[in-house]
Amino acid sequence: MTATAKITSQGQTTVPASVRKALGVKAGDSLIWELDADQTVRVRRAVALDVDYLEGLEKTLQEWSSQADEDAYREL
């Protein structure tokens, strides 16, 4: 798919309707812009983090959160 949009003097642009539909985004959603080494840009829909999952995962990692661990790995 190819779509064209202009950039305003304030650096803003409108995401073409065909791209919004393909990404499944609407007003208020966030996009992630990724610039590759060859100067191409990829745009993708930002997905909200699953906070409950991350909090559950954090609880399983408590064995690595002692002061001794903080001291040992601080400089990494």
C-alpha atoms as a PDB file:
ATOM      1  CA  MET A   1       0.000   0.000   0.000  1.00  0.00           C
ATOM      2  CA  THR A   2       1.217   3.476  -0.805  1.00  0.00           C
ATOM      3  CA  ALA A   3      -0.286   6.662   0.601  1.00  0.00           C
ATOM      4  CA  THR A   4       0.884  10.268   0.524  1.00  0.00           C
ATOM      5  CA  ALA A   5       0.456  13.047   3.101  1.00  0.00           C
ATOM      6  CA  LYS A   6       1.967  16.499   3.512  1.00  0.00           C
ATOM      7  CA  ILE A   7       3.773  17.774   6.595  1.00  0.00           C
ATOM      8  CA  THR A   8       2.587  21.104   8.012  1.00  0.00           C
ATOM      9  CA  SER A   9       4.905  23.919   9.079  1.00  0.00           C
ATOM     10  CA  GLN A  10       4.515  22.612  12.648  1.00  0.00           C
ATOM     11  CA  GLY A  11       5.657  19.110  11.681  1.00  0.00           C
ATOM     12  CA  GLN A  12       2.195  17.570  11.750  1.00  0.00           C
ATOM     13  CA  THR A  13       0.596  15.292   9.196  1.00  0.00           C
ATOM     14  CA  THR A  14      -2.671  13.474   8.684  1.00  0.00           C
ATOM     15  CA  VAL A  15      -2.457   9.706   8.561  1.00  0.00           C
ATOM     16  CA  PRO A  16      -4.328   8.718   5.396  1.00  0.00           C
ATOM     17  CA  ALA A  17      -7.629   6.920   5.955  1.00  0.00           C
ATOM     18  CA  SER A  18      -6.398   3.794   4.160  1.00  0.00           C
ATOM     19  CA  VAL A  19      -3.411   3.566   6.541  1.00  0.00           C
ATOM     20  CA  ARG A  20      -5.573   4.201   9.637  1.00  0.00           C
ATOM     21  CA  LYS A  21      -7.909   1.436   8.527  1.00  0.00           C
ATOM     22  CA  ALA A  22      -5.054  -0.992   7.802  1.00  0.00           C
ATOM     23  CA  LEU A  23      -3.478  -0.300  11.220  1.00  0.00           C
ATOM     24  CA  GLY A  24      -6.807  -0.361  13.023  1.00  0.00           C
ATOM     25  CA  VAL A  25      -6.218   3.009  14.683  1.00  0.00           C
ATOM     26  CA  LYS A  26      -8.571   5.825  15.587  1.00  0.00           C
ATOM     27  CA  ALA A  27      -8.361   9.280  17.169  1.00  0.00           C
ATOM     28  CA  GLY A  28      -6.395   9.151  20.433  1.00  0.00           C
ATOM     29  CA  ASP A  29      -4.437   5.989  19.558  1.00  0.00           C
ATOM     30  CA  SER A  30      -0.635   6.104  19.484  1.00  0.00           C
ATOM     31  CA  LEU A  31       1.711   5.246  16.641  1.00  0.00           C
ATOM     32  CA  ILE A  32       5.331   4.126  16.798  1.00  0.00           C
ATOM     33  CA  TRP A  33       7.719   5.496  14.172  1.00  0.00           C
ATOM     34  CA  GLU A  34      10.822   3.378  13.511  1.00  0.00           C
ATOM     35  CA  LEU A  35      13.654   4.837  11.434  1.00  0.00           C
ATOM     36  CA  ASP A  36      15.859   2.195   9.815  1.00  0.00           C
ATOM     37  CA  ALA A  37      19.535   2.628   8.961  1.00  0.00           C
ATOM     38  CA  ASP A  38      18.666   2.991   5.269  1.00  0.00           C
ATOM     39  CA  GLN A  39      16.436   6.008   6.083  1.00  0.00           C
ATOM     40  CA  THR A  40      13.162   4.127   5.595  1.00  0.00           C
ATOM     41  CA  VAL A  41      10.458   4.571   8.205  1.00  0.00           C
ATOM     42  CA  ARG A  42       8.031   2.009   9.514  1.00  0.00           C
ATOM     43  CA  VAL A  43       4.892   3.052  11.342  1.00  0.00           C
ATOM     44  CA  ARG A  44       2.956   0.676  13.542  1.00  0.00           C
ATOM     45  CA  ARG A  45       0.163   0.828  16.048  1.00  0.00           C
ATOM     46  CA  ALA A  46       1.317   1.088  19.653  1.00  0.00           C
ATOM     47  CA  VAL A  47      -0.180  -1.643  21.807  1.00  0.00           C
ATOM     48  CA  ALA A  48      -0.907  -0.918  25.462  1.00  0.00           C
ATOM     49  CA  LEU A  49       1.092  -2.980  27.936  1.00  0.00           C
ATOM     50  CA  ASP A  50      -0.667  -5.690  29.863  1.00  0.00           C
ATOM     51  CA  VAL A  51      -0.033  -4.240  33.331  1.00  0.00           C
ATOM     52  CA  ASP A  52      -1.493  -7.228  35.186  1.00  0.00           C
ATOM     53  CA  TYR A  53       0.844  -9.583  33.316  1.00  0.00           C
ATOM     54  CA  LEU A  54       3.880  -7.385  33.976  1.00  0.00           C
ATOM     55  CA  GLU A  55       3.080  -7.085  37.679  1.00  0.00           C
ATOM     56  CA  GLY A  56       2.708 -10.876  37.909  1.00  0.00           C
ATOM     57  CA  LEU A  57       6.020 -11.337  36.124  1.00  0.00           C
ATOM     58  CA  GLU A  58       7.728  -8.854  38.446  1.00  0.00           C
ATOM     59  CA  LYS A  59       6.656 -10.894  41.468  1.00  0.00           C
ATOM     60  CA  THR A  60       8.458 -13.944  40.065  1.00  0.00           C
ATOM     61  CA  LEU A  61      11.712 -11.968  39.814  1.00  0.00           C
ATOM     62  CA  GLN A  62      11.978 -10.928  43.457  1.00  0.00           C
ATOM     63  CA  GLU A  63      14.951 -13.231  44.036  1.00  0.00           C
ATOM     64  CA  TRP A  64      17.054 -10.842  41.909  1.00  0.00           C
ATOM     65  CA  SER A  65      16.149  -7.648  43.711  1.00  0.00           C
ATOM     66  CA  SER A  66      18.277  -7.688  46.842  1.00  0.00           C
ATOM     67  CA  GLN A  67      20.637  -4.880  47.819  1.00  0.00           C
ATOM     68  CA  ALA A  68      23.564  -7.233  47.108  1.00  0.00           C
ATOM     69  CA  ASP A  69      22.300  -7.647  43.520  1.00  0.00           C
ATOM     70  CA  GLU A  70      21.913  -3.880  43.129  1.00  0.00           C
ATOM     71  CA  ASP A  71      25.494  -3.358  44.355  1.00  0.00           C
ATOM     72  CA  ALA A  72      26.930  -6.107  42.160  1.00  0.00           C
ATOM     73  CA  TYR A  73      25.238  -5.040  38.912  1.00  0.00           C
ATOM     74  CA  ARG A  74      25.035  -1.253  39.319  1.00  0.00           C
ATOM     75  CA  GLU A  75      27.812  -0.530  36.800  1.00  0.00           C
ATOM     76  CA  LEU A  76      26.430  -2.673  33.961  1.00  0.00           C
END
